[in-house]
Amino acid sequence: MRTLVTGGAGFLGSHLCERLLNDGHEVICLDTYFSGKRANIEHLFDHRNFEFIRHDIVEPILLEVDRIFNLACPASPVHYQYNPVKTIKTSVMGAINMLGLAKRVRARILLTSTSEVYGDPAEHPQTETYWGNVNPIGVRSCYDEGKRVAECLMMDYHRQNKVDIRIVRIFNTYGPRMAINDGRVVSNFCVAALRGEDLEIYGDGKQTRSFAYVDDIIDAIVRMMNQETHIGPINIGNPDEFTIDELASLAIELSGSSSKVVIKPPRPDDPIRRKPNIDLARKVLNWEPKTPLNLGLRKSIEHFREVLGLPHT
């Protein structure tokens, strides 16, 4: 297959490019290096089946491909709130351009949507049939609503133009190649613990998240693209639920740190509970995450040690 990965220099995208090359695909990686970075894909530049194009999917592009994985969009609040107008343009206009390309060349296209489409959910755990509880005018809505519109566009191109689509809703993902300034809780905690700084918890620490290791998520994305029975959306994430307090304690313990936890005021529109129902992924993809949090966190901490130039233990 000749495969396009938008956002291919990002945290998830770079792992996906690697996996696709290992599976024998020709891979075209598109990125602007806004939240992705060259270092994530540099080791792939000499691969005969890898091509990098610096391009913003807000602008159309003409390519001949069989598959499109549309990952392009900053996924961390720090990055997506830095330029919220650009964030929503990437999700919406990017989806239009990639769907237009898929329609033109008859490619199958997969959208990585997000658990953020559920907002601060009134249903727990969240199933794919839940419509969500999103604040359309809040500080996070550029990302949440951008992804919701992208899902809408995917479905409408499918219904109206018979475009072959796949939609996954990804829950909190972590692992090597997360940026140290990523702004998401795993990287924040690991980096602070390694530096011996305070770990800042926004709110009471009792809010929950479900953390999935990057290799598990990439496996689910590839399985979703390759199966023929279901267009989605399908939740992919880890159904094991942890409080932010528990995550902080584990990050301190695994990094051998003497850091302390500091409580800060809660952030606006921050969900209280987040946990996927993955029954559909189990049934359709024959998939569930395999990496326990303590193992994935160890690997992530080693990655951050390297990036920070600290000695390995």
C-alpha atoms as a PDB file:
ATOM      1  CA  MET A   1       0.000   0.000   0.000  1.00  0.00           C
ATOM      2  CA  ARG A   2       1.016   3.606  -0.641  1.00  0.00           C
ATOM      3  CA  THR A   3      -0.007   5.266   2.610  1.00  0.00           C
ATOM      4  CA  LEU A   4      -0.294   8.892   3.709  1.00  0.00           C
ATOM      5  CA  VAL A   5       0.085   9.828   7.391  1.00  0.00           C
ATOM      6  CA  THR A   6      -0.823  13.420   8.250  1.00  0.00           C
ATOM      7  CA  GLY A   7       0.747  14.602  11.490  1.00  0.00           C
ATOM      8  CA  GLY A   8       3.341  11.881  10.892  1.00  0.00           C
ATOM      9  CA  ALA A   9       6.129  13.657  12.799  1.00  0.00           C
ATOM     10  CA  GLY A  10       4.039  13.855  15.957  1.00  0.00           C
ATOM     11  CA  PHE A  11       4.048  11.575  18.986  1.00  0.00           C
ATOM     12  CA  LEU A  12       1.461   9.113  17.651  1.00  0.00           C
ATOM     13  CA  GLY A  13       2.169   9.748  13.974  1.00  0.00           C
ATOM     14  CA  SER A  14       5.860   8.871  14.160  1.00  0.00           C
ATOM     15  CA  HIS A  15       5.086   5.538  15.854  1.00  0.00           C
ATOM     16  CA  LEU A  16       2.467   4.851  13.165  1.00  0.00           C
ATOM     17  CA  CYS A  17       4.926   5.638  10.326  1.00  0.00           C
ATOM     18  CA  GLU A  18       7.386   3.194  11.890  1.00  0.00           C
ATOM     19  CA  ARG A  19       4.760   0.459  12.204  1.00  0.00           C
ATOM     20  CA  LEU A  20       3.541   0.915   8.609  1.00  0.00           C
ATOM     21  CA  LEU A  21       7.099   0.760   7.233  1.00  0.00           C
ATOM     22  CA  ASN A  22       7.673  -2.435   9.234  1.00  0.00           C
ATOM     23  CA  ASP A  23       4.465  -3.818   7.699  1.00  0.00           C
ATOM     24  CA  GLY A  24       5.851  -3.168   4.188  1.00  0.00           C
ATOM     25  CA  HIS A  25       3.962   0.010   3.221  1.00  0.00           C
ATOM     26  CA  GLU A  26       5.291   2.965   1.278  1.00  0.00           C
ATOM     27  CA  VAL A  27       4.768   5.876   3.679  1.00  0.00           C
ATOM     28  CA  ILE A  28       4.336   9.565   2.864  1.00  0.00           C
ATOM     29  CA  CYS A  29       4.554  11.624   6.055  1.00  0.00           C
ATOM     30  CA  LEU A  30       2.986  15.104   6.096  1.00  0.00           C
ATOM     31  CA  ASP A  31       3.702  17.512   8.948  1.00  0.00           C
ATOM     32  CA  THR A  32       4.267  21.208   9.710  1.00  0.00           C
ATOM     33  CA  TYR A  33       6.443  20.572  12.778  1.00  0.00           C
ATOM     34  CA  PHE A  34       4.012  22.669  14.850  1.00  0.00           C
ATOM     35  CA  SER A  35       3.683  20.081  17.623  1.00  0.00           C
ATOM     36  CA  GLY A  36       5.538  17.262  15.833  1.00  0.00           C
ATOM     37  CA  LYS A  37       9.295  17.390  15.381  1.00  0.00           C
ATOM     38  CA  ARG A  38      11.997  16.257  13.004  1.00  0.00           C
ATOM     39  CA  ALA A  39      13.744  14.220  15.723  1.00  0.00           C
ATOM     40  CA  ASN A  40      10.717  11.872  15.907  1.00  0.00           C
ATOM     41  CA  ILE A  41      11.162  10.710  12.298  1.00  0.00           C
ATOM     42  CA  GLU A  42      14.830  11.439  11.545  1.00  0.00           C
ATOM     43  CA  HIS A  43      15.723   7.760  11.890  1.00  0.00           C
ATOM     44  CA  LEU A  44      13.262   6.985   9.051  1.00  0.00           C
ATOM     45  CA  PHE A  45      14.742   9.401   6.467  1.00  0.00           C
ATOM     46  CA  ASP A  46      17.079   6.798   4.993  1.00  0.00           C
ATOM     47  CA  HIS A  47      14.330   4.182   4.648  1.00  0.00           C
ATOM     48  CA  ARG A  48      13.711   3.579   0.935  1.00  0.00           C
ATOM     49  CA  ASN A  49       9.911   3.506   1.439  1.00  0.00           C
ATOM     50  CA  PHE A  50       9.679   6.712   3.503  1.00  0.00           C
ATOM     51  CA  GLU A  51       9.038  10.204   2.154  1.00  0.00           C
ATOM     52  CA  PHE A  52       8.553  13.406   4.169  1.00  0.00           C
ATOM     53  CA  ILE A  53       6.651  16.450   2.904  1.00  0.00           C
ATOM     54  CA  ARG A  54       6.399  19.618   4.977  1.00  0.00           C
ATOM     55  CA  HIS A  55       2.807  20.646   4.392  1.00  0.00           C
ATOM     56  CA  ASP A  56      -0.167  22.089   6.279  1.00  0.00           C
ATOM     57  CA  ILE A  57      -3.375  20.132   5.569  1.00  0.00           C
ATOM     58  CA  VAL A  58      -5.375  23.363   5.907  1.00  0.00           C
ATOM     59  CA  GLU A  59      -4.165  23.758   2.294  1.00  0.00           C
ATOM     60  CA  PRO A  60      -5.131  21.120  -0.317  1.00  0.00           C
ATOM     61  CA  ILE A  61      -2.514  18.702  -1.655  1.00  0.00           C
ATOM     62  CA  LEU A  62      -2.592  16.338  -4.650  1.00  0.00           C
ATOM     63  CA  LEU A  63      -1.103  12.890  -4.066  1.00  0.00           C
ATOM     64  CA  GLU A  64      -1.684   9.348  -5.331  1.00  0.00           C
ATOM     65  CA  VAL A  65      -2.263   7.106  -2.303  1.00  0.00           C
ATOM     66  CA  ASP A  66      -4.243   4.001  -1.298  1.00  0.00           C
ATOM     67  CA  ARG A  67      -4.703   4.802   2.393  1.00  0.00           C
ATOM     68  CA  ILE A  68      -4.878   8.003   4.451  1.00  0.00           C
ATOM     69  CA  PHE A  69      -4.366   8.161   8.208  1.00  0.00           C
ATOM     70  CA  ASN A  70      -5.462  11.667   9.243  1.00  0.00           C
ATOM     71  CA  LEU A  71      -3.729  12.382  12.568  1.00  0.00           C
ATOM     72  CA  ALA A  72      -2.782  16.037  12.025  1.00  0.00           C
ATOM     73  CA  CYS A  73      -3.892  18.231  14.942  1.00  0.00           C
ATOM     74  CA  PRO A  74      -2.197  19.274  18.188  1.00  0.00           C
ATOM     75  CA  ALA A  75      -3.656  17.025  20.909  1.00  0.00           C
ATOM     76  CA  SER A  76      -2.334  18.657  24.079  1.00  0.00           C
ATOM     77  CA  PRO A  77      -4.190  21.607  25.687  1.00  0.00           C
ATOM     78  CA  VAL A  78      -0.933  23.614  25.813  1.00  0.00           C
ATOM     79  CA  HIS A  79      -0.525  23.273  22.041  1.00  0.00           C
ATOM     80  CA  TYR A  80      -4.118  23.416  20.876  1.00  0.00           C
ATOM     81  CA  GLN A  81      -4.966  26.461  23.036  1.00  0.00           C
ATOM     82  CA  TYR A  82      -1.848  28.320  21.833  1.00  0.00           C
ATOM     83  CA  ASN A  83      -3.620  29.069  18.536  1.00  0.00           C
ATOM     84  CA  PRO A  84      -7.238  27.892  18.893  1.00  0.00           C
ATOM     85  CA  VAL A  85      -8.349  29.222  15.495  1.00  0.00           C
ATOM     86  CA  LYS A  86      -5.545  27.290  13.805  1.00  0.00           C
ATOM     87  CA  THR A  87      -6.495  24.171  15.807  1.00  0.00           C
ATOM     88  CA  ILE A  88     -10.112  24.143  14.631  1.00  0.00           C
ATOM     89  CA  LYS A  89      -9.029  24.961  11.054  1.00  0.00           C
ATOM     90  CA  THR A  90      -6.686  21.963  11.114  1.00  0.00           C
ATOM     91  CA  SER A  91      -9.486  19.651  12.246  1.00  0.00           C
ATOM     92  CA  VAL A  92     -12.210  21.013   9.957  1.00  0.00           C
ATOM     93  CA  MET A  93     -10.460  22.242   6.799  1.00  0.00           C
ATOM     94  CA  GLY A  94      -7.898  19.463   7.146  1.00  0.00           C
ATOM     95  CA  ALA A  95     -10.685  16.873   7.201  1.00  0.00           C
ATOM     96  CA  ILE A  96     -12.320  18.471   4.137  1.00  0.00           C
ATOM     97  CA  ASN A  97      -9.033  18.430   2.215  1.00  0.00           C
ATOM     98  CA  MET A  98      -8.136  14.863   3.177  1.00  0.00           C
ATOM     99  CA  LEU A  99     -11.660  13.619   2.431  1.00  0.00           C
ATOM    100  CA  GLY A 100     -11.536  15.405  -0.926  1.00  0.00           C
ATOM    101  CA  LEU A 101      -8.271  13.614  -1.664  1.00  0.00           C
ATOM    102  CA  ALA A 102      -9.724  10.264  -0.544  1.00  0.00           C
ATOM    103  CA  LYS A 103     -12.748  10.813  -2.781  1.00  0.00           C
ATOM    104  CA  ARG A 104     -10.585  11.758  -5.770  1.00  0.00           C
ATOM    105  CA  VAL A 105      -8.160   8.820  -5.582  1.00  0.00           C
ATOM    106  CA  ARG A 106     -10.615   6.350  -3.988  1.00  0.00           C
ATOM    107  CA  ALA A 107      -8.451   5.879  -0.900  1.00  0.00           C
ATOM    108  CA  ARG A 108      -9.649   4.540   2.430  1.00  0.00           C
ATOM    109  CA  ILE A 109      -9.310   7.244   5.109  1.00  0.00           C
ATOM    110  CA  LEU A 110      -9.067   6.900   8.888  1.00  0.00           C
ATOM    111  CA  LEU A 111      -9.659   9.795  11.290  1.00  0.00           C
ATOM    112  CA  THR A 112      -8.111   9.745  14.735  1.00  0.00           C
ATOM    113  CA  SER A 113     -10.852  11.391  16.741  1.00  0.00           C
ATOM    114  CA  THR A 114     -10.738  11.709  20.503  1.00  0.00           C
ATOM    115  CA  SER A 115     -12.427  10.939  23.792  1.00  0.00           C
ATOM    116  CA  GLU A 116     -12.791  14.744  24.068  1.00  0.00           C
ATOM    117  CA  VAL A 117     -15.890  14.442  21.844  1.00  0.00           C
ATOM    118  CA  TYR A 118     -17.590  13.163  25.032  1.00  0.00           C
ATOM    119  CA  GLY A 119     -16.668  16.352  26.926  1.00  0.00           C
ATOM    120  CA  ASP A 120     -17.267  16.065  30.687  1.00  0.00           C
ATOM    121  CA  PRO A 121     -19.326  12.898  30.306  1.00  0.00           C
ATOM    122  CA  ALA A 122     -22.610  12.271  32.086  1.00  0.00           C
ATOM    123  CA  GLU A 123     -22.321   8.601  31.021  1.00  0.00           C
ATOM    124  CA  HIS A 124     -19.654   6.385  32.597  1.00  0.00           C
ATOM    125  CA  PRO A 125     -17.893   4.502  31.095  1.00  0.00           C
ATOM    126  CA  GLN A 126     -18.382   6.106  27.707  1.00  0.00           C
ATOM    127  CA  THR A 127     -19.831   4.063  24.849  1.00  0.00           C
ATOM    128  CA  GLU A 128     -19.740   5.049  21.170  1.00  0.00           C
ATOM    129  CA  THR A 129     -23.495   5.749  21.211  1.00  0.00           C
ATOM    130  CA  TYR A 130     -23.114   8.521  23.834  1.00  0.00           C
ATOM    131  CA  TRP A 131     -23.461  11.997  22.291  1.00  0.00           C
ATOM    132  CA  GLY A 132     -21.327  13.791  24.841  1.00  0.00           C
ATOM    133  CA  ASN A 133     -21.467  16.824  27.102  1.00  0.00           C
ATOM    134  CA  VAL A 134     -19.246  19.440  25.453  1.00  0.00           C
ATOM    135  CA  ASN A 135     -19.104  23.168  26.140  1.00  0.00           C
ATOM    136  CA  PRO A 136     -19.139  24.673  22.616  1.00  0.00           C
ATOM    137  CA  ILE A 137     -17.767  28.061  23.775  1.00  0.00           C
ATOM    138  CA  GLY A 138     -15.164  26.945  26.321  1.00  0.00           C
ATOM    139  CA  VAL A 139     -11.383  27.247  26.096  1.00  0.00           C
ATOM    140  CA  ARG A 140     -11.070  23.581  25.070  1.00  0.00           C
ATOM    141  CA  SER A 141     -13.804  23.668  22.436  1.00  0.00           C
ATOM    142  CA  CYS A 142     -11.441  24.455  19.525  1.00  0.00           C
ATOM    143  CA  TYR A 143     -10.189  20.877  19.896  1.00  0.00           C
ATOM    144  CA  ASP A 144     -13.373  19.142  21.098  1.00  0.00           C
ATOM    145  CA  GLU A 145     -15.695  20.727  18.540  1.00  0.00           C
ATOM    146  CA  GLY A 146     -13.079  20.537  15.779  1.00  0.00           C
ATOM    147  CA  LYS A 147     -12.946  16.769  16.170  1.00  0.00           C
ATOM    148  CA  ARG A 148     -16.750  16.517  16.401  1.00  0.00           C
ATOM    149  CA  VAL A 149     -17.085  18.415  13.094  1.00  0.00           C
ATOM    150  CA  ALA A 150     -14.360  16.214  11.559  1.00  0.00           C
ATOM    151  CA  GLU A 151     -16.408  13.122  12.527  1.00  0.00           C
ATOM    152  CA  CYS A 152     -19.505  14.749  10.986  1.00  0.00           C
ATOM    153  CA  LEU A 153     -17.606  15.429   7.746  1.00  0.00           C
ATOM    154  CA  MET A 154     -16.331  11.839   7.637  1.00  0.00           C
ATOM    155  CA  MET A 155     -19.881  10.491   7.949  1.00  0.00           C
ATOM    156  CA  ASP A 156     -21.300  12.935   5.388  1.00  0.00           C
ATOM    157  CA  TYR A 157     -18.605  12.188   2.796  1.00  0.00           C
ATOM    158  CA  HIS A 158     -19.329   8.498   3.396  1.00  0.00           C
ATOM    159  CA  ARG A 159     -23.105   8.878   3.009  1.00  0.00           C
ATOM    160  CA  GLN A 160     -23.048  11.391   0.164  1.00  0.00           C
ATOM    161  CA  ASN A 161     -19.934  10.383  -1.807  1.00  0.00           C
ATOM    162  CA  LYS A 162     -19.414   6.750  -0.721  1.00  0.00           C
ATOM    163  CA  VAL A 163     -15.938   7.544   0.641  1.00  0.00           C
ATOM    164  CA  ASP A 164     -14.482   4.512   2.471  1.00  0.00           C
ATOM    165  CA  ILE A 165     -13.984   5.817   6.037  1.00  0.00           C
ATOM    166  CA  ARG A 166     -12.846   4.645   9.473  1.00  0.00           C
ATOM    167  CA  ILE A 167     -13.171   6.606  12.749  1.00  0.00           C
ATOM    168  CA  VAL A 168     -11.424   5.833  16.047  1.00  0.00           C
ATOM    169  CA  ARG A 169     -11.875   7.761  19.287  1.00  0.00           C
ATOM    170  CA  ILE A 170      -8.578   7.689  21.152  1.00  0.00           C
ATOM    171  CA  PHE A 171      -8.418   7.994  24.936  1.00  0.00           C
ATOM    172  CA  ASN A 172      -5.387   9.326  26.861  1.00  0.00           C
ATOM    173  CA  THR A 173      -2.231   7.932  25.238  1.00  0.00           C
ATOM    174  CA  TYR A 174       1.319   8.138  26.564  1.00  0.00           C
ATOM    175  CA  GLY A 175       4.770   6.758  25.834  1.00  0.00           C
ATOM    176  CA  PRO A 176       8.190   7.550  24.332  1.00  0.00           C
ATOM    177  CA  ARG A 177       8.402  10.597  22.012  1.00  0.00           C
ATOM    178  CA  MET A 178       5.937  12.644  24.015  1.00  0.00           C
ATOM    179  CA  ALA A 179       7.462  16.130  24.148  1.00  0.00           C
ATOM    180  CA  ILE A 180       8.743  17.270  27.543  1.00  0.00           C
ATOM    181  CA  ASN A 181       6.605  20.412  27.148  1.00  0.00           C
ATOM    182  CA  ASP A 182       3.628  18.384  25.899  1.00  0.00           C
ATOM    183  CA  GLY A 183       1.428  19.729  28.690  1.00  0.00           C
ATOM    184  CA  ARG A 184      -0.490  16.482  29.242  1.00  0.00           C
ATOM    185  CA  VAL A 185      -0.489  14.958  32.666  1.00  0.00           C
ATOM    186  CA  VAL A 186       1.831  11.956  32.058  1.00  0.00           C
ATOM    187  CA  SER A 187       4.653  14.038  30.577  1.00  0.00           C
ATOM    188  CA  ASN A 188       4.126  16.812  33.162  1.00  0.00           C
ATOM    189  CA  PHE A 189       4.419  14.364  36.056  1.00  0.00           C
ATOM    190  CA  CYS A 190       7.329  12.313  34.669  1.00  0.00           C
ATOM    191  CA  VAL A 191       9.419  15.379  33.786  1.00  0.00           C
ATOM    192  CA  ALA A 192       8.703  17.140  37.112  1.00  0.00           C
ATOM    193  CA  ALA A 193       9.546  13.980  39.090  1.00  0.00           C
ATOM    194  CA  LEU A 194      12.835  13.498  37.194  1.00  0.00           C
ATOM    195  CA  ARG A 195      13.769  17.138  37.808  1.00  0.00           C
ATOM    196  CA  GLY A 196      12.837  16.894  41.480  1.00  0.00           C
ATOM    197  CA  GLU A 197      10.174  19.595  41.037  1.00  0.00           C
ATOM    198  CA  ASP A 198       6.674  19.700  42.535  1.00  0.00           C
ATOM    199  CA  LEU A 199       3.984  17.725  40.686  1.00  0.00           C
ATOM    200  CA  GLU A 200       1.054  20.104  40.148  1.00  0.00           C
ATOM    201  CA  ILE A 201      -2.439  18.609  40.371  1.00  0.00           C
ATOM    202  CA  TYR A 202      -5.280  20.832  39.151  1.00  0.00           C
ATOM    203  CA  GLY A 203      -8.330  20.077  41.286  1.00  0.00           C
ATOM    204  CA  ASP A 204      -8.566  17.554  44.108  1.00  0.00           C
ATOM    205  CA  GLY A 205      -6.671  14.757  42.340  1.00  0.00           C
ATOM    206  CA  LYS A 206      -9.695  12.459  42.444  1.00  0.00           C
ATOM    207  CA  GLN A 207     -10.546  13.025  38.775  1.00  0.00           C
ATOM    208  CA  THR A 208      -9.851   9.906  36.723  1.00  0.00           C
ATOM    209  CA  ARG A 209      -8.242   9.082  33.386  1.00  0.00           C
ATOM    210  CA  SER A 210      -7.566   5.866  31.491  1.00  0.00           C
ATOM    211  CA  PHE A 211      -4.003   5.749  30.205  1.00  0.00           C
ATOM    212  CA  ALA A 212      -3.134   3.644  27.130  1.00  0.00           C
ATOM    213  CA  TYR A 213       0.444   2.947  26.040  1.00  0.00           C
ATOM    214  CA  VAL A 214       1.323   4.131  22.537  1.00  0.00           C
ATOM    215  CA  ASP A 215       2.170   0.673  21.070  1.00  0.00           C
ATOM    216  CA  ASP A 216      -1.283  -0.631  22.032  1.00  0.00           C
ATOM    217  CA  ILE A 217      -3.021   2.362  20.431  1.00  0.00           C
ATOM    218  CA  ILE A 218      -1.013   2.066  17.189  1.00  0.00           C
ATOM    219  CA  ASP A 219      -1.951  -1.613  16.976  1.00  0.00           C
ATOM    220  CA  ALA A 220      -5.643  -0.709  17.324  1.00  0.00           C
ATOM    221  CA  ILE A 221      -5.404   2.030  14.664  1.00  0.00           C
ATOM    222  CA  VAL A 222      -3.794  -0.373  12.168  1.00  0.00           C
ATOM    223  CA  ARG A 223      -6.374  -3.078  12.928  1.00  0.00           C
ATOM    224  CA  MET A 224      -9.179  -0.546  12.425  1.00  0.00           C
ATOM    225  CA  MET A 225      -7.846   0.508   9.027  1.00  0.00           C
ATOM    226  CA  ASN A 226      -7.389  -3.095   7.900  1.00  0.00           C
ATOM    227  CA  GLN A 227     -10.784  -4.529   8.919  1.00  0.00           C
ATOM    228  CA  GLU A 228     -13.723  -4.482   6.497  1.00  0.00           C
ATOM    229  CA  THR A 229     -16.799  -4.721   8.735  1.00  0.00           C
ATOM    230  CA  HIS A 230     -17.108  -1.475  10.688  1.00  0.00           C
ATOM    231  CA  ILE A 231     -16.561   2.196   9.790  1.00  0.00           C
ATOM    232  CA  GLY A 232     -16.748   3.366  13.415  1.00  0.00           C
ATOM    233  CA  PRO A 233     -16.555   5.291  15.528  1.00  0.00           C
ATOM    234  CA  ILE A 234     -14.803   2.820  17.822  1.00  0.00           C
ATOM    235  CA  ASN A 235     -13.299   3.695  21.216  1.00  0.00           C
ATOM    236  CA  ILE A 236      -9.672   2.726  21.645  1.00  0.00           C
ATOM    237  CA  GLY A 237      -8.148   3.212  25.051  1.00  0.00           C
ATOM    238  CA  ASN A 238      -7.448   1.489  28.327  1.00  0.00           C
ATOM    239  CA  PRO A 239     -10.499   0.628  30.466  1.00  0.00           C
ATOM    240  CA  ASP A 240      -8.318   0.616  33.623  1.00  0.00           C
ATOM    241  CA  GLU A 241      -9.209   3.824  35.453  1.00  0.00           C
ATOM    242  CA  PHE A 242      -6.689   5.710  37.618  1.00  0.00           C
ATOM    243  CA  THR A 243      -7.022   8.881  39.675  1.00  0.00           C
ATOM    244  CA  ILE A 244      -4.591  11.714  38.983  1.00  0.00           C
ATOM    245  CA  ASP A 245      -3.364  11.238  42.585  1.00  0.00           C
ATOM    246  CA  GLU A 246      -2.463   7.623  41.813  1.00  0.00           C
ATOM    247  CA  LEU A 247      -0.632   8.617  38.640  1.00  0.00           C
ATOM    248  CA  ALA A 248       1.386  11.238  40.527  1.00  0.00           C
ATOM    249  CA  SER A 249       2.409   8.732  43.227  1.00  0.00           C
ATOM    250  CA  LEU A 250       3.442   6.175  40.595  1.00  0.00           C
ATOM    251  CA  ALA A 251       5.509   8.730  38.632  1.00  0.00           C
ATOM    252  CA  ILE A 252       7.367   9.739  41.814  1.00  0.00           C
ATOM    253  CA  GLU A 253       7.949   6.115  42.821  1.00  0.00           C
ATOM    254  CA  LEU A 254       9.152   4.850  39.413  1.00  0.00           C
ATOM    255  CA  SER A 255      11.516   7.786  38.865  1.00  0.00           C
ATOM    256  CA  GLY A 256      12.979   7.438  42.376  1.00  0.00           C
ATOM    257  CA  SER A 257      12.116  11.064  43.043  1.00  0.00           C
ATOM    258  CA  SER A 258      11.662  13.060  46.238  1.00  0.00           C
ATOM    259  CA  SER A 259       9.170  15.411  44.543  1.00  0.00           C
ATOM    260  CA  LYS A 260       6.042  16.534  46.355  1.00  0.00           C
ATOM    261  CA  VAL A 261       2.477  16.967  45.095  1.00  0.00           C
ATOM    262  CA  VAL A 262       0.991  20.477  45.051  1.00  0.00           C
ATOM    263  CA  ILE A 263      -2.750  21.124  44.643  1.00  0.00           C
ATOM    264  CA  LYS A 264      -3.780  23.927  42.249  1.00  0.00           C
ATOM    265  CA  PRO A 265      -7.230  25.297  41.315  1.00  0.00           C
ATOM    266  CA  PRO A 266      -9.127  23.123  38.789  1.00  0.00           C
ATOM    267  CA  ARG A 267      -8.891  23.975  35.102  1.00  0.00           C
ATOM    268  CA  PRO A 268     -12.042  25.028  33.193  1.00  0.00           C
ATOM    269  CA  ASP A 269     -14.028  22.241  31.456  1.00  0.00           C
ATOM    270  CA  ASP A 270     -11.636  19.551  32.734  1.00  0.00           C
ATOM    271  CA  PRO A 271     -13.565  16.250  32.722  1.00  0.00           C
ATOM    272  CA  ILE A 272     -14.101  14.631  36.147  1.00  0.00           C
ATOM    273  CA  ARG A 273     -14.146  11.039  34.886  1.00  0.00           C
ATOM    274  CA  ARG A 274     -12.931   9.482  31.677  1.00  0.00           C
ATOM    275  CA  LYS A 275     -13.018   5.768  30.919  1.00  0.00           C
ATOM    276  CA  PRO A 276     -13.741   4.007  27.626  1.00  0.00           C
ATOM    277  CA  ASN A 277     -16.115   1.141  27.103  1.00  0.00           C
ATOM    278  CA  ILE A 278     -14.069  -0.958  24.644  1.00  0.00           C
ATOM    279  CA  ASP A 279     -16.556  -3.794  24.049  1.00  0.00           C
ATOM    280  CA  LEU A 280     -16.815  -2.790  20.371  1.00  0.00           C
ATOM    281  CA  ALA A 281     -13.012  -2.774  19.906  1.00  0.00           C
ATOM    282  CA  ARG A 282     -12.815  -6.219  21.507  1.00  0.00           C
ATOM    283  CA  LYS A 283     -15.521  -7.530  19.178  1.00  0.00           C
ATOM    284  CA  VAL A 284     -14.627  -5.846  15.870  1.00  0.00           C
ATOM    285  CA  LEU A 285     -10.843  -5.502  16.179  1.00  0.00           C
ATOM    286  CA  ASN A 286     -10.138  -8.426  18.497  1.00  0.00           C
ATOM    287  CA  TRP A 287      -8.127  -5.861  20.452  1.00  0.00           C
ATOM    288  CA  GLU A 288      -7.527  -4.741  23.989  1.00  0.00           C
ATOM    289  CA  PRO A 289      -4.529  -2.984  25.529  1.00  0.00           C
ATOM    290  CA  LYS A 290      -1.749  -5.234  26.834  1.00  0.00           C
ATOM    291  CA  THR A 291       0.669  -2.820  28.537  1.00  0.00           C
ATOM    292  CA  PRO A 292       0.079  -2.202  32.269  1.00  0.00           C
ATOM    293  CA  LEU A 293       0.538   1.391  33.473  1.00  0.00           C
ATOM    294  CA  ASN A 294       3.608   0.700  35.619  1.00  0.00           C
ATOM    295  CA  LEU A 295       5.466  -0.907  32.674  1.00  0.00           C
ATOM    296  CA  GLY A 296       4.468   1.791  30.158  1.00  0.00           C
ATOM    297  CA  LEU A 297       5.338   4.517  32.654  1.00  0.00           C
ATOM    298  CA  ARG A 298       8.797   2.990  33.233  1.00  0.00           C
ATOM    299  CA  LYS A 299       9.471   3.101  29.477  1.00  0.00           C
ATOM    300  CA  SER A 300       8.199   6.694  29.304  1.00  0.00           C
ATOM    301  CA  ILE A 301      10.381   7.782  32.230  1.00  0.00           C
ATOM    302  CA  GLU A 302      13.455   6.278  30.526  1.00  0.00           C
ATOM    303  CA  HIS A 303      12.585   8.271  27.387  1.00  0.00           C
ATOM    304  CA  PHE A 304      12.295  11.510  29.392  1.00  0.00           C
ATOM    305  CA  ARG A 305      15.590  10.744  31.202  1.00  0.00           C
ATOM    306  CA  GLU A 306      17.291  10.547  27.821  1.00  0.00           C
ATOM    307  CA  VAL A 307      15.712  13.759  26.516  1.00  0.00           C
ATOM    308  CA  LEU A 308      16.647  15.610  29.730  1.00  0.00           C
ATOM    309  CA  GLY A 309      20.226  14.238  29.581  1.00  0.00           C
ATOM    310  CA  LEU A 310      19.928  12.511  32.951  1.00  0.00           C
ATOM    311  CA  PRO A 311      21.808   9.286  33.787  1.00  0.00           C
ATOM    312  CA  HIS A 312      19.829   6.056  33.442  1.00  0.00           C
ATOM    313  CA  THR A 313      19.217   4.104  36.621  1.00  0.00           C
END
